[in-house]
């Protein structure tokens, strides 16, 4: 989903009370506040959703995939997002059917069965 799509969906949910332009400014403002906090090394916690934070990555040796050359990477700080346990579980549960389909497992109303197994 793009920011434009997010603005459109939010405008549909809120209704005509808030203009599309105002919704876009609100989203831009929220993103800006999160980015400013992370630039200072702070974190932003949104209950029920997760925490935006900065984590330190250790120095390591990497490889440039185009040229194949070895590139040393120094210690660095990178933005990170850690979802709440509840949010993570909600995503897992709602996408469980997709995982089962990818593995070739079909679900039925009387329970699920694995290919090659019988429910007798």
PDB file of N, CA and C in Angstrom:
ATOM      1  N   UNK A   1       0.849  -1.166   0.000  1.00  0.00           N
ATOM      2  CA  UNK A   1       0.000   0.000   0.000  1.00  0.00           C
ATOM      3  C   UNK A   1       0.900   1.237   0.000  1.00  0.00           C
ATOM      4  N   UNK A   2       0.569   2.169  -0.842  1.00  0.00           N
ATOM      5  CA  UNK A   2       1.312   3.428  -0.910  1.00  0.00           C
ATOM      6  C   UNK A   2       0.682   4.452   0.036  1.00  0.00           C
ATOM      7  N   UNK A   3       1.396   5.555   0.247  1.00  0.00           N
ATOM      8  CA  UNK A   3       0.849   6.614   1.101  1.00  0.00           C
ATOM      9  C   UNK A   3      -0.434   7.178   0.491  1.00  0.00           C
ATOM     10  N   UNK A   4      -0.465   7.311  -0.830  1.00  0.00           N
ATOM     11  CA  UNK A   4      -1.663   7.818  -1.511  1.00  0.00           C
ATOM     12  C   UNK A   4      -2.857   6.906  -1.250  1.00  0.00           C
ATOM     13  N   UNK A   5      -2.628   5.594  -1.309  1.00  0.00           N
ATOM     14  CA  UNK A   5      -3.707   4.636  -1.038  1.00  0.00           C
ATOM     15  C   UNK A   5      -4.146   4.720   0.424  1.00  0.00           C
ATOM     16  N   UNK A   6      -3.187   4.874   1.322  1.00  0.00           N
ATOM     17  CA  UNK A   6      -3.503   5.013   2.743  1.00  0.00           C
ATOM     18  C   UNK A   6      -4.370   6.242   2.991  1.00  0.00           C
ATOM     19  N   UNK A   7      -4.010   7.360   2.376  1.00  0.00           N
ATOM     20  CA  UNK A   7      -4.785   8.599   2.520  1.00  0.00           C
ATOM     21  C   UNK A   7      -6.204   8.384   2.009  1.00  0.00           C
ATOM     22  N   UNK A   8      -6.337   7.737   0.864  1.00  0.00           N
ATOM     23  CA  UNK A   8      -7.658   7.503   0.264  1.00  0.00           C
ATOM     24  C   UNK A   8      -8.529   6.631   1.171  1.00  0.00           C
ATOM     25  N   UNK A   9      -7.966   5.539   1.685  1.00  0.00           N
ATOM     26  CA  UNK A   9      -8.722   4.634   2.557  1.00  0.00           C
ATOM     27  C   UNK A   9      -9.119   5.345   3.849  1.00  0.00           C
ATOM     28  N   UNK A  10      -8.195   6.102   4.413  1.00  0.00           N
ATOM     29  CA  UNK A  10      -8.493   6.839   5.643  1.00  0.00           C
ATOM     30  C   UNK A  10      -9.587   7.875   5.411  1.00  0.00           C
ATOM     31  N   UNK A  11      -9.543   8.544   4.267  1.00  0.00           N
ATOM     32  CA  UNK A  11     -10.580   9.530   3.926  1.00  0.00           C
ATOM     33  C   UNK A  11     -11.944   8.859   3.811  1.00  0.00           C
ATOM     34  N   UNK A  12     -11.986   7.656   3.233  1.00  0.00           N
ATOM     35  CA  UNK A  12     -13.250   6.921   3.109  1.00  0.00           C
ATOM     36  C   UNK A  12     -13.782   6.522   4.484  1.00  0.00           C
ATOM     37  N   UNK A  13     -12.892   6.114   5.383  1.00  0.00           N
ATOM     38  CA  UNK A  13     -13.319   5.687   6.723  1.00  0.00           C
ATOM     39  C   UNK A  13     -13.782   6.853   7.583  1.00  0.00           C
ATOM     40  N   UNK A  14     -13.085   7.978   7.485  1.00  0.00           N
ATOM     41  CA  UNK A  14     -13.433   9.140   8.308  1.00  0.00           C
ATOM     42  C   UNK A  14     -14.650   9.860   7.751  1.00  0.00           C
ATOM     43  N   UNK A  15     -14.744   9.929   6.439  1.00  0.00           N
ATOM     44  CA  UNK A  15     -15.852  10.643   5.813  1.00  0.00           C
ATOM     45  C   UNK A  15     -15.478  12.084   5.532  1.00  0.00           C
ATOM     46  N   UNK A  16     -16.477  12.894   5.182  1.00  0.00           N
ATOM     47  CA  UNK A  16     -16.203  14.269   4.746  1.00  0.00           C
ATOM     48  C   UNK A  16     -15.828  15.242   5.869  1.00  0.00           C
ATOM     49  N   UNK A  17     -15.754  14.757   7.094  1.00  0.00           N
ATOM     50  CA  UNK A  17     -15.414  15.627   8.222  1.00  0.00           C
ATOM     51  C   UNK A  17     -14.023  16.240   8.051  1.00  0.00           C
ATOM     52  N   UNK A  18     -13.083  15.446   7.523  1.00  0.00           N
ATOM     53  CA  UNK A  18     -11.701  15.895   7.332  1.00  0.00           C
ATOM     54  C   UNK A  18     -11.366  15.778   5.850  1.00  0.00           C
ATOM     55  N   UNK A  19     -10.764  16.811   5.287  1.00  0.00           N
ATOM     56  CA  UNK A  19     -10.434  16.796   3.857  1.00  0.00           C
ATOM     57  C   UNK A  19      -9.271  15.848   3.580  1.00  0.00           C
ATOM     58  N   UNK A  20      -9.173  15.402   2.333  1.00  0.00           N
ATOM     59  CA  UNK A  20      -8.084  14.529   1.908  1.00  0.00           C
ATOM     60  C   UNK A  20      -6.744  15.236   2.124  1.00  0.00           C
ATOM     61  N   UNK A  21      -6.692  16.528   1.822  1.00  0.00           N
ATOM     62  CA  UNK A  21      -5.458  17.301   2.012  1.00  0.00           C
ATOM     63  C   UNK A  21      -5.055  17.335   3.483  1.00  0.00           C
ATOM     64  N   UNK A  22      -6.032  17.500   4.378  1.00  0.00           N
ATOM     65  CA  UNK A  22      -5.733  17.510   5.814  1.00  0.00           C
ATOM     66  C   UNK A  22      -5.249  16.138   6.281  1.00  0.00           C
ATOM     67  N   UNK A  23      -5.863  15.082   5.777  1.00  0.00           N
ATOM     68  CA  UNK A  23      -5.441  13.723   6.141  1.00  0.00           C
ATOM     69  C   UNK A  23      -3.998  13.496   5.706  1.00  0.00           C
ATOM     70  N   UNK A  24      -3.664  13.943   4.500  1.00  0.00           N
ATOM     71  CA  UNK A  24      -2.293  13.785   4.013  1.00  0.00           C
ATOM     72  C   UNK A  24      -1.312  14.569   4.889  1.00  0.00           C
ATOM     73  N   UNK A  25      -1.687  15.777   5.305  1.00  0.00           N
ATOM     74  CA  UNK A  25      -0.824  16.573   6.187  1.00  0.00           C
ATOM     75  C   UNK A  25      -0.656  15.899   7.554  1.00  0.00           C
ATOM     76  N   UNK A  26      -1.712  15.290   8.057  1.00  0.00           N
ATOM     77  CA  UNK A  26      -1.643  14.589   9.346  1.00  0.00           C
ATOM     78  C   UNK A  26      -0.692  13.400   9.247  1.00  0.00           C
ATOM     79  N   UNK A  27      -0.824  12.613   8.184  1.00  0.00           N
ATOM     80  CA  UNK A  27       0.064  11.458   7.993  1.00  0.00           C
ATOM     81  C   UNK A  27       1.506  11.922   7.837  1.00  0.00           C
ATOM     82  N   UNK A  28       1.726  12.954   7.009  1.00  0.00           N
ATOM     83  CA  UNK A  28       3.079  13.497   6.837  1.00  0.00           C
ATOM     84  C   UNK A  28       3.645  13.979   8.171  1.00  0.00           C
ATOM     85  N   UNK A  29       2.803  14.635   8.971  1.00  0.00           N
ATOM     86  CA  UNK A  29       3.238  15.125  10.276  1.00  0.00           C
ATOM     87  C   UNK A  29       3.622  13.995  11.214  1.00  0.00           C
ATOM     88  N   UNK A  30       2.814  12.940  11.239  1.00  0.00           N
ATOM     89  CA  UNK A  30       3.107  11.793  12.105  1.00  0.00           C
ATOM     90  C   UNK A  30       4.415  11.125  11.688  1.00  0.00           C
ATOM     91  N   UNK A  31       4.596  10.939  10.388  1.00  0.00           N
ATOM     92  CA  UNK A  31       5.837  10.331   9.890  1.00  0.00           C
ATOM     93  C   UNK A  31       7.032  11.211  10.245  1.00  0.00           C
ATOM     94  N   UNK A  32       6.879  12.509  10.089  1.00  0.00           N
ATOM     95  CA  UNK A  32       7.959  13.450  10.406  1.00  0.00           C
ATOM     96  C   UNK A  32       8.339  13.386  11.884  1.00  0.00           C
ATOM     97  N   UNK A  33       7.350  13.303  12.759  1.00  0.00           N
ATOM     98  CA  UNK A  33       7.609  13.210  14.202  1.00  0.00           C
ATOM     99  C   UNK A  33       8.350  11.918  14.526  1.00  0.00           C
ATOM    100  N   UNK A  34       7.928  10.808  13.924  1.00  0.00           N
ATOM    101  CA  UNK A  34       8.600   9.520  14.147  1.00  0.00           C
ATOM    102  C   UNK A  34      10.049   9.601  13.671  1.00  0.00           C
ATOM    103  N   UNK A  35      10.262  10.142  12.470  1.00  0.00           N
ATOM    104  CA  UNK A  35      11.619  10.251  11.932  1.00  0.00           C
ATOM    105  C   UNK A  35      12.494  11.157  12.796  1.00  0.00           C
ATOM    106  N   UNK A  36      11.961  12.292  13.238  1.00  0.00           N
ATOM    107  CA  UNK A  36      12.728  13.206  14.096  1.00  0.00           C
ATOM    108  C   UNK A  36      13.116  12.525  15.413  1.00  0.00           C
ATOM    109  N   UNK A  37      12.197  11.765  15.989  1.00  0.00           N
ATOM    110  CA  UNK A  37      12.484  11.053  17.235  1.00  0.00           C
ATOM    111  C   UNK A  37      13.603  10.038  17.036  1.00  0.00           C
ATOM    112  N   UNK A  38      13.536   9.286  15.941  1.00  0.00           N
ATOM    113  CA  UNK A  38      14.567   8.286  15.671  1.00  0.00           C
ATOM    114  C   UNK A  38      15.913   8.945  15.390  1.00  0.00           C
ATOM    115  N   UNK A  39      15.906  10.089  14.709  1.00  0.00           N
ATOM    116  CA  UNK A  39      17.164  10.805  14.441  1.00  0.00           C
ATOM    117  C   UNK A  39      17.842  11.239  15.740  1.00  0.00           C
ATOM    118  N   UNK A  40      17.059  11.491  16.782  1.00  0.00           N
ATOM    119  CA  UNK A  40      17.610  11.864  18.093  1.00  0.00           C
ATOM    120  C   UNK A  40      18.011  10.631  18.909  1.00  0.00           C
ATOM    121  N   UNK A  41      17.698   9.444  18.398  1.00  0.00           N
ATOM    122  CA  UNK A  41      18.001   8.221  19.132  1.00  0.00           C
ATOM    123  C   UNK A  41      16.893   7.798  20.065  1.00  0.00           C
ATOM    124  N   UNK A  42      15.746   8.478  20.012  1.00  0.00           N
ATOM    125  CA  UNK A  42      14.592   8.135  20.844  1.00  0.00           C
ATOM    126  C   UNK A  42      13.781   7.024  20.178  1.00  0.00           C
ATOM    127  N   UNK A  43      12.745   6.584  20.857  1.00  0.00           N
ATOM    128  CA  UNK A  43      11.840   5.590  20.292  1.00  0.00           C
ATOM    129  C   UNK A  43      10.420   6.150  20.297  1.00  0.00           C
ATOM    130  N   UNK A  44       9.557   5.545  19.480  1.00  0.00           N
ATOM    131  CA  UNK A  44       8.143   5.916  19.442  1.00  0.00           C
ATOM    132  C   UNK A  44       7.346   4.632  19.624  1.00  0.00           C
ATOM    133  N   UNK A  45       6.587   4.568  20.710  1.00  0.00           N
ATOM    134  CA  UNK A  45       5.787   3.385  21.009  1.00  0.00           C
ATOM    135  C   UNK A  45       4.319   3.701  20.776  1.00  0.00           C
ATOM    136  N   UNK A  46       3.672   2.875  19.947  1.00  0.00           N
ATOM    137  CA  UNK A  46       2.240   3.010  19.692  1.00  0.00           C
ATOM    138  C   UNK A  46       1.586   1.743  20.234  1.00  0.00           C
ATOM    139  N   UNK A  47       0.880   1.886  21.350  1.00  0.00           N
ATOM    140  CA  UNK A  47       0.273   0.721  22.007  1.00  0.00           C
ATOM    141  C   UNK A  47      -0.637  -0.041  21.051  1.00  0.00           C
ATOM    142  N   UNK A  48      -0.519  -1.354  21.103  1.00  0.00           N
ATOM    143  CA  UNK A  48      -1.324  -2.212  20.253  1.00  0.00           C
ATOM    144  C   UNK A  48      -0.764  -2.356  18.846  1.00  0.00           C
ATOM    145  N   UNK A  49       0.285  -1.609  18.519  1.00  0.00           N
ATOM    146  CA  UNK A  49       0.873  -1.654  17.177  1.00  0.00           C
ATOM    147  C   UNK A  49       2.338  -2.067  17.247  1.00  0.00           C
ATOM    148  N   UNK A  50       3.174  -1.248  17.885  1.00  0.00           N
ATOM    149  CA  UNK A  50       4.579  -1.598  17.991  1.00  0.00           C
ATOM    150  C   UNK A  50       5.441  -0.405  18.346  1.00  0.00           C
ATOM    151  N   UNK A  51       6.752  -0.622  18.273  1.00  0.00           N
ATOM    152  CA  UNK A  51       7.717   0.399  18.646  1.00  0.00           C
ATOM    153  C   UNK A  51       8.700   0.642  17.512  1.00  0.00           C
ATOM    154  N   UNK A  52       8.829   1.911  17.132  1.00  0.00           N
ATOM    155  CA  UNK A  52       9.862   2.334  16.196  1.00  0.00           C
ATOM    156  C   UNK A  52      11.063   2.704  17.051  1.00  0.00           C
ATOM    157  N   UNK A  53      12.246   2.197  16.698  1.00  0.00           N
ATOM    158  CA  UNK A  53      13.433   2.455  17.499  1.00  0.00           C
ATOM    159  C   UNK A  53      14.669   2.430  16.606  1.00  0.00           C
ATOM    160  N   UNK A  54      15.794   2.775  17.191  1.00  0.00           N
ATOM    161  CA  UNK A  54      17.071   2.709  16.488  1.00  0.00           C
ATOM    162  C   UNK A  54      17.888   1.613  17.153  1.00  0.00           C
ATOM    163  N   UNK A  55      18.454   0.711  16.346  1.00  0.00           N
ATOM    164  CA  UNK A  55      19.283  -0.364  16.886  1.00  0.00           C
ATOM    165  C   UNK A  55      20.683  -0.276  16.285  1.00  0.00           C
ATOM    166  N   UNK A  56      21.656  -0.732  17.059  1.00  0.00           N
ATOM    167  CA  UNK A  56      23.044  -0.717  16.596  1.00  0.00           C
ATOM    168  C   UNK A  56      23.353  -2.047  15.915  1.00  0.00           C
ATOM    169  N   UNK A  57      23.870  -1.966  14.704  1.00  0.00           N
ATOM    170  CA  UNK A  57      24.314  -3.156  13.982  1.00  0.00           C
ATOM    171  C   UNK A  57      25.824  -3.239  14.109  1.00  0.00           C
ATOM    172  N   UNK A  58      26.327  -4.425  14.406  1.00  0.00           N
ATOM    173  CA  UNK A  58      27.765  -4.616  14.572  1.00  0.00           C
ATOM    174  C   UNK A  58      28.482  -4.558  13.224  1.00  0.00           C
ATOM    175  N   UNK A  59      29.756  -4.231  13.297  1.00  0.00           N
ATOM    176  CA  UNK A  59      30.589  -4.227  12.095  1.00  0.00           C
ATOM    177  C   UNK A  59      30.636  -5.645  11.524  1.00  0.00           C
ATOM    178  N   UNK A  60      30.699  -5.733  10.205  1.00  0.00           N
ATOM    179  CA  UNK A  60      30.780  -7.043   9.557  1.00  0.00           C
ATOM    180  C   UNK A  60      31.361  -6.877   8.159  1.00  0.00           C
ATOM    181  N   UNK A  61      31.653  -8.004   7.564  1.00  0.00           N
ATOM    182  CA  UNK A  61      32.147  -8.018   6.194  1.00  0.00           C
ATOM    183  C   UNK A  61      30.968  -8.377   5.294  1.00  0.00           C
ATOM    184  N   UNK A  62      30.749  -7.572   4.252  1.00  0.00           N
ATOM    185  CA  UNK A  62      29.661  -7.820   3.302  1.00  0.00           C
ATOM    186  C   UNK A  62      30.269  -8.003   1.912  1.00  0.00           C
ATOM    187  N   UNK A  63      29.421  -8.369   0.960  1.00  0.00           N
ATOM    188  CA  UNK A  63      29.876  -8.546  -0.408  1.00  0.00           C
ATOM    189  C   UNK A  63      28.979  -7.752  -1.333  1.00  0.00           C
ATOM    190  N   UNK A  64      29.578  -7.000  -2.244  1.00  0.00           N
ATOM    191  CA  UNK A  64      28.828  -6.269  -3.257  1.00  0.00           C
ATOM    192  C   UNK A  64      28.297  -7.293  -4.259  1.00  0.00           C
ATOM    193  N   UNK A  65      26.970  -7.474  -4.369  1.00  0.00           N
ATOM    194  CA  UNK A  65      26.428  -8.516  -5.247  1.00  0.00           C
ATOM    195  C   UNK A  65      26.687  -8.269  -6.735  1.00  0.00           C
ATOM    196  N   UNK A  66      26.838  -7.018  -7.147  1.00  0.00           N
ATOM    197  CA  UNK A  66      27.082  -6.726  -8.567  1.00  0.00           C
ATOM    198  C   UNK A  66      28.519  -7.017  -8.972  1.00  0.00           C
ATOM    199  N   UNK A  67      29.459  -6.580  -8.131  1.00  0.00           N
ATOM    200  CA  UNK A  67      30.876  -6.717  -8.477  1.00  0.00           C
ATOM    201  C   UNK A  67      31.534  -7.907  -7.792  1.00  0.00           C
ATOM    202  N   UNK A  68      30.900  -8.420  -6.737  1.00  0.00           N
ATOM    203  CA  UNK A  68      31.459  -9.558  -6.027  1.00  0.00           C
ATOM    204  C   UNK A  68      32.582  -9.202  -5.068  1.00  0.00           C
ATOM    205  N   UNK A  69      32.883  -7.920  -4.922  1.00  0.00           N
ATOM    206  CA  UNK A  69      33.990  -7.526  -4.054  1.00  0.00           C
ATOM    207  C   UNK A  69      33.560  -7.477  -2.590  1.00  0.00           C
ATOM    208  N   UNK A  70      34.518  -7.711  -1.716  1.00  0.00           N
ATOM    209  CA  UNK A  70      34.291  -7.683  -0.276  1.00  0.00           C
ATOM    210  C   UNK A  70      34.269  -6.226   0.199  1.00  0.00           C
ATOM    211  N   UNK A  71      33.278  -5.905   1.033  1.00  0.00           N
ATOM    212  CA  UNK A  71      33.125  -4.539   1.533  1.00  0.00           C
ATOM    213  C   UNK A  71      33.005  -4.591   3.057  1.00  0.00           C
ATOM    214  N   UNK A  72      33.937  -3.953   3.777  1.00  0.00           N
ATOM    215  CA  UNK A  72      33.801  -3.924   5.241  1.00  0.00           C
ATOM    216  C   UNK A  72      32.750  -2.888   5.655  1.00  0.00           C
ATOM    217  N   UNK A  73      31.857  -3.283   6.527  1.00  0.00           N
ATOM    218  CA  UNK A  73      30.837  -2.371   7.056  1.00  0.00           C
ATOM    219  C   UNK A  73      31.154  -2.091   8.517  1.00  0.00           C
ATOM    220  N   UNK A  74      31.167  -0.822   8.887  1.00  0.00           N
ATOM    221  CA  UNK A  74      31.443  -0.426  10.265  1.00  0.00           C
ATOM    222  C   UNK A  74      30.179  -0.558  11.111  1.00  0.00           C
ATOM    223  N   UNK A  75      30.345  -0.426  12.436  1.00  0.00           N
ATOM    224  CA  UNK A  75      29.177  -0.347  13.316  1.00  0.00           C
ATOM    225  C   UNK A  75      28.283   0.772  12.801  1.00  0.00           C
ATOM    226  N   UNK A  76      26.978   0.571  12.894  1.00  0.00           N
ATOM    227  CA  UNK A  76      26.070   1.619  12.437  1.00  0.00           C
ATOM    228  C   UNK A  76      24.737   1.486  13.161  1.00  0.00           C
ATOM    229  N   UNK A  77      23.994   2.571  13.164  1.00  0.00           N
ATOM    230  CA  UNK A  77      22.656   2.593  13.749  1.00  0.00           C
ATOM    231  C   UNK A  77      21.637   2.605  12.622  1.00  0.00           C
ATOM    232  N   UNK A  78      20.605   1.778  12.757  1.00  0.00           N
ATOM    233  CA  UNK A  78      19.572   1.693  11.724  1.00  0.00           C
ATOM    234  C   UNK A  78      18.191   1.744  12.369  1.00  0.00           C
ATOM    235  N   UNK A  79      17.199   2.289  11.651  1.00  0.00           N
ATOM    236  CA  UNK A  79      15.832   2.271  12.180  1.00  0.00           C
ATOM    237  C   UNK A  79      15.294   0.841  12.193  1.00  0.00           C
ATOM    238  N   UNK A  80      14.432   0.564  13.156  1.00  0.00           N
ATOM    239  CA  UNK A  80      13.879  -0.775  13.321  1.00  0.00           C
ATOM    240  C   UNK A  80      12.443  -0.636  13.824  1.00  0.00           C
ATOM    241  N   UNK A  81      11.614  -1.620  13.512  1.00  0.00           N
ATOM    242  CA  UNK A  81      10.241  -1.643  14.019  1.00  0.00           C
ATOM    243  C   UNK A  81      10.008  -2.979  14.692  1.00  0.00           C
ATOM    244  N   UNK A  82       9.510  -2.951  15.906  1.00  0.00           N
ATOM    245  CA  UNK A  82       9.181  -4.176  16.627  1.00  0.00           C
ATOM    246  C   UNK A  82       7.683  -4.170  16.908  1.00  0.00           C
ATOM    247  N   UNK A  83       6.929  -5.071  16.245  1.00  0.00           N
ATOM    248  CA  UNK A  83       5.480  -5.108  16.476  1.00  0.00           C
ATOM    249  C   UNK A  83       5.156  -5.669  17.858  1.00  0.00           C
ATOM    250  N   UNK A  84       3.980  -5.293  18.378  1.00  0.00           N
ATOM    251  CA  UNK A  84       3.536  -5.878  19.645  1.00  0.00           C
ATOM    252  C   UNK A  84       3.217  -7.347  19.410  1.00  0.00           C
ATOM    253  N   UNK A  85       3.232  -8.112  20.480  1.00  0.00           N
ATOM    254  CA  UNK A  85       2.914  -9.538  20.395  1.00  0.00           C
ATOM    255  C   UNK A  85       1.522  -9.736  19.796  1.00  0.00           C
ATOM    256  N   UNK A  86       0.560  -8.913  20.233  1.00  0.00           N
ATOM    257  CA  UNK A  86      -0.819  -9.050  19.752  1.00  0.00           C
ATOM    258  C   UNK A  86      -0.922  -8.752  18.255  1.00  0.00           C
ATOM    259  N   UNK A  87      -0.254  -7.702  17.803  1.00  0.00           N
ATOM    260  CA  UNK A  87      -0.291  -7.342  16.386  1.00  0.00           C
ATOM    261  C   UNK A  87       0.362  -8.430  15.543  1.00  0.00           C
ATOM    262  N   UNK A  88       1.505  -8.922  16.013  1.00  0.00           N
ATOM    263  CA  UNK A  88       2.211  -9.983  15.294  1.00  0.00           C
ATOM    264  C   UNK A  88       1.333 -11.231  15.183  1.00  0.00           C
ATOM    265  N   UNK A  89       0.679 -11.611  16.278  1.00  0.00           N
ATOM    266  CA  UNK A  89      -0.194 -12.787  16.273  1.00  0.00           C
ATOM    267  C   UNK A  89      -1.385 -12.584  15.341  1.00  0.00           C
ATOM    268  N   UNK A  90      -1.935 -11.372  15.312  1.00  0.00           N
ATOM    269  CA  UNK A  90      -3.059 -11.077  14.428  1.00  0.00           C
ATOM    270  C   UNK A  90      -2.663 -11.275  12.964  1.00  0.00           C
ATOM    271  N   UNK A  91      -1.469 -10.809  12.594  1.00  0.00           N
ATOM    272  CA  UNK A  91      -0.989 -10.970  11.219  1.00  0.00           C
ATOM    273  C   UNK A  91      -0.781 -12.446  10.906  1.00  0.00           C
ATOM    274  N   UNK A  92      -0.172 -13.175  11.829  1.00  0.00           N
ATOM    275  CA  UNK A  92       0.070 -14.605  11.622  1.00  0.00           C
ATOM    276  C   UNK A  92      -1.245 -15.341  11.408  1.00  0.00           C
ATOM    277  N   UNK A  93      -2.224 -15.078  12.266  1.00  0.00           N
ATOM    278  CA  UNK A  93      -3.514 -15.763  12.156  1.00  0.00           C
ATOM    279  C   UNK A  93      -4.237 -15.422  10.857  1.00  0.00           C
ATOM    280  N   UNK A  94      -4.192 -14.160  10.459  1.00  0.00           N
ATOM    281  CA  UNK A  94      -4.934 -13.773   9.259  1.00  0.00           C
ATOM    282  C   UNK A  94      -4.264 -14.265   7.982  1.00  0.00           C
ATOM    283  N   UNK A  95      -2.973 -14.585   8.036  1.00  0.00           N
ATOM    284  CA  UNK A  95      -2.282 -15.080   6.839  1.00  0.00           C
ATOM    285  C   UNK A  95      -2.007 -16.583   6.889  1.00  0.00           C
ATOM    286  N   UNK A  96      -2.494 -17.246   7.930  1.00  0.00           N
ATOM    287  CA  UNK A  96      -2.269 -18.691   8.071  1.00  0.00           C
ATOM    288  C   UNK A  96      -2.769 -19.458   6.846  1.00  0.00           C
ATOM    289  N   UNK A  97      -3.935 -19.086   6.306  1.00  0.00           N
ATOM    290  CA  UNK A  97      -4.485 -19.779   5.137  1.00  0.00           C
ATOM    291  C   UNK A  97      -3.545 -19.672   3.942  1.00  0.00           C
ATOM    292  N   UNK A  98      -2.879 -18.543   3.788  1.00  0.00           N
ATOM    293  CA  UNK A  98      -1.949 -18.349   2.672  1.00  0.00           C
ATOM    294  C   UNK A  98      -0.756 -19.297   2.799  1.00  0.00           C
ATOM    295  N   UNK A  99      -0.254 -19.447   4.017  1.00  0.00           N
ATOM    296  CA  UNK A  99       0.868 -20.351   4.261  1.00  0.00           C
ATOM    297  C   UNK A  99       0.455 -21.785   3.964  1.00  0.00           C
ATOM    298  N   UNK A 100      -0.750 -22.156   4.409  1.00  0.00           N
ATOM    299  CA  UNK A 100      -1.236 -23.512   4.160  1.00  0.00           C
ATOM    300  C   UNK A 100      -1.388 -23.770   2.665  1.00  0.00           C
ATOM    301  N   UNK A 101      -1.903 -22.792   1.926  1.00  0.00           N
ATOM    302  CA  UNK A 101      -2.045 -22.944   0.477  1.00  0.00           C
ATOM    303  C   UNK A 101      -0.687 -23.116  -0.188  1.00  0.00           C
ATOM    304  N   UNK A 102       0.308 -22.347   0.252  1.00  0.00           N
ATOM    305  CA  UNK A 102       1.649 -22.444  -0.321  1.00  0.00           C
ATOM    306  C   UNK A 102       2.263 -23.811  -0.066  1.00  0.00           C
ATOM    307  N   UNK A 103       1.900 -24.437   1.053  1.00  0.00           N
ATOM    308  CA  UNK A 103       2.422 -25.762   1.380  1.00  0.00           C
ATOM    309  C   UNK A 103       1.564 -26.868   0.775  1.00  0.00           C
ATOM    310  N   UNK A 104       0.474 -26.500   0.109  1.00  0.00           N
ATOM    311  CA  UNK A 104      -0.390 -27.491  -0.506  1.00  0.00           C
ATOM    312  C   UNK A 104      -1.349 -28.148   0.457  1.00  0.00           C
ATOM    313  N   UNK A 105      -1.613 -27.502   1.583  1.00  0.00           N
ATOM    314  CA  UNK A 105      -2.537 -28.046   2.578  1.00  0.00           C
ATOM    315  C   UNK A 105      -3.880 -27.364   2.387  1.00  0.00           C
ATOM    316  N   UNK A 106      -4.925 -28.150   2.242  1.00  0.00           N
ATOM    317  CA  UNK A 106      -6.266 -27.616   2.034  1.00  0.00           C
ATOM    318  C   UNK A 106      -7.038 -27.682   3.343  1.00  0.00           C
ATOM    319  N   UNK A 107      -7.714 -26.592   3.694  1.00  0.00           N
ATOM    320  CA  UNK A 107      -8.567 -26.579   4.880  1.00  0.00           C
ATOM    321  C   UNK A 107      -9.989 -26.926   4.482  1.00  0.00           C
ATOM    322  N   UNK A 108     -10.744 -27.531   5.388  1.00  0.00           N
ATOM    323  CA  UNK A 108     -12.151 -27.820   5.116  1.00  0.00           C
ATOM    324  C   UNK A 108     -12.963 -27.426   6.331  1.00  0.00           C
ATOM    325  N   UNK A 109     -14.287 -27.455   6.194  1.00  0.00           N
ATOM    326  CA  UNK A 109     -15.143 -27.035   7.299  1.00  0.00           C
ATOM    327  C   UNK A 109     -15.076 -28.001   8.471  1.00  0.00           C
ATOM    328  N   UNK A 110     -14.706 -29.264   8.231  1.00  0.00           N
ATOM    329  CA  UNK A 110     -14.627 -30.231   9.320  1.00  0.00           C
ATOM    330  C   UNK A 110     -13.217 -30.344   9.882  1.00  0.00           C
ATOM    331  N   UNK A 111     -12.339 -29.469   9.447  1.00  0.00           N
ATOM    332  CA  UNK A 111     -10.948 -29.511   9.898  1.00  0.00           C
ATOM    333  C   UNK A 111     -10.051 -29.506   8.690  1.00  0.00           C
ATOM    334  N   UNK A 112      -8.780 -29.424   8.910  1.00  0.00           N
ATOM    335  CA  UNK A 112      -7.873 -29.401   7.773  1.00  0.00           C
ATOM    336  C   UNK A 112      -7.229 -30.756   7.602  1.00  0.00           C
ATOM    337  N   UNK A 113      -6.832 -31.027   6.372  1.00  0.00           N
ATOM    338  CA  UNK A 113      -6.153 -32.276   6.090  1.00  0.00           C
ATOM    339  C   UNK A 113      -4.917 -31.981   5.272  1.00  0.00           C
ATOM    340  N   UNK A 114      -3.941 -32.838   5.413  1.00  0.00           N
ATOM    341  CA  UNK A 114      -2.702 -32.709   4.674  1.00  0.00           C
ATOM    342  C   UNK A 114      -2.814 -33.573   3.437  1.00  0.00           C
ATOM    343  N   UNK A 115      -2.241 -33.114   2.304  1.00  0.00           N
ATOM    344  CA  UNK A 115      -2.276 -33.901   1.080  1.00  0.00           C
ATOM    345  C   UNK A 115      -1.730 -35.282   1.360  1.00  0.00           C
ATOM    346  N   UNK A 116      -2.400 -36.289   0.857  1.00  0.00           N
ATOM    347  CA  UNK A 116      -1.944 -37.647   1.041  1.00  0.00           C
ATOM    348  C   UNK A 116      -2.486 -38.296   2.304  1.00  0.00           C
ATOM    349  N   UNK A 117      -3.077 -37.545   3.193  1.00  0.00           N
ATOM    350  CA  UNK A 117      -3.660 -38.102   4.407  1.00  0.00           C
ATOM    351  C   UNK A 117      -5.166 -38.163   4.252  1.00  0.00           C
ATOM    352  N   UNK A 118      -5.769 -39.078   4.935  1.00  0.00           N
ATOM    353  CA  UNK A 118      -7.219 -39.172   4.862  1.00  0.00           C
ATOM    354  C   UNK A 118      -7.812 -38.773   6.202  1.00  0.00           C
ATOM    355  N   UNK A 119      -9.014 -38.205   6.144  1.00  0.00           N
ATOM    356  CA  UNK A 119      -9.708 -37.790   7.363  1.00  0.00           C
ATOM    357  C   UNK A 119     -10.705 -38.841   7.799  1.00  0.00           C
ATOM    358  N   UNK A 120     -10.411 -40.104   7.584  1.00  0.00           N
ATOM    359  CA  UNK A 120     -11.335 -41.174   7.937  1.00  0.00           C
ATOM    360  C   UNK A 120     -11.098 -41.648   9.335  1.00  0.00           C
TER     361      UNK A 120
END
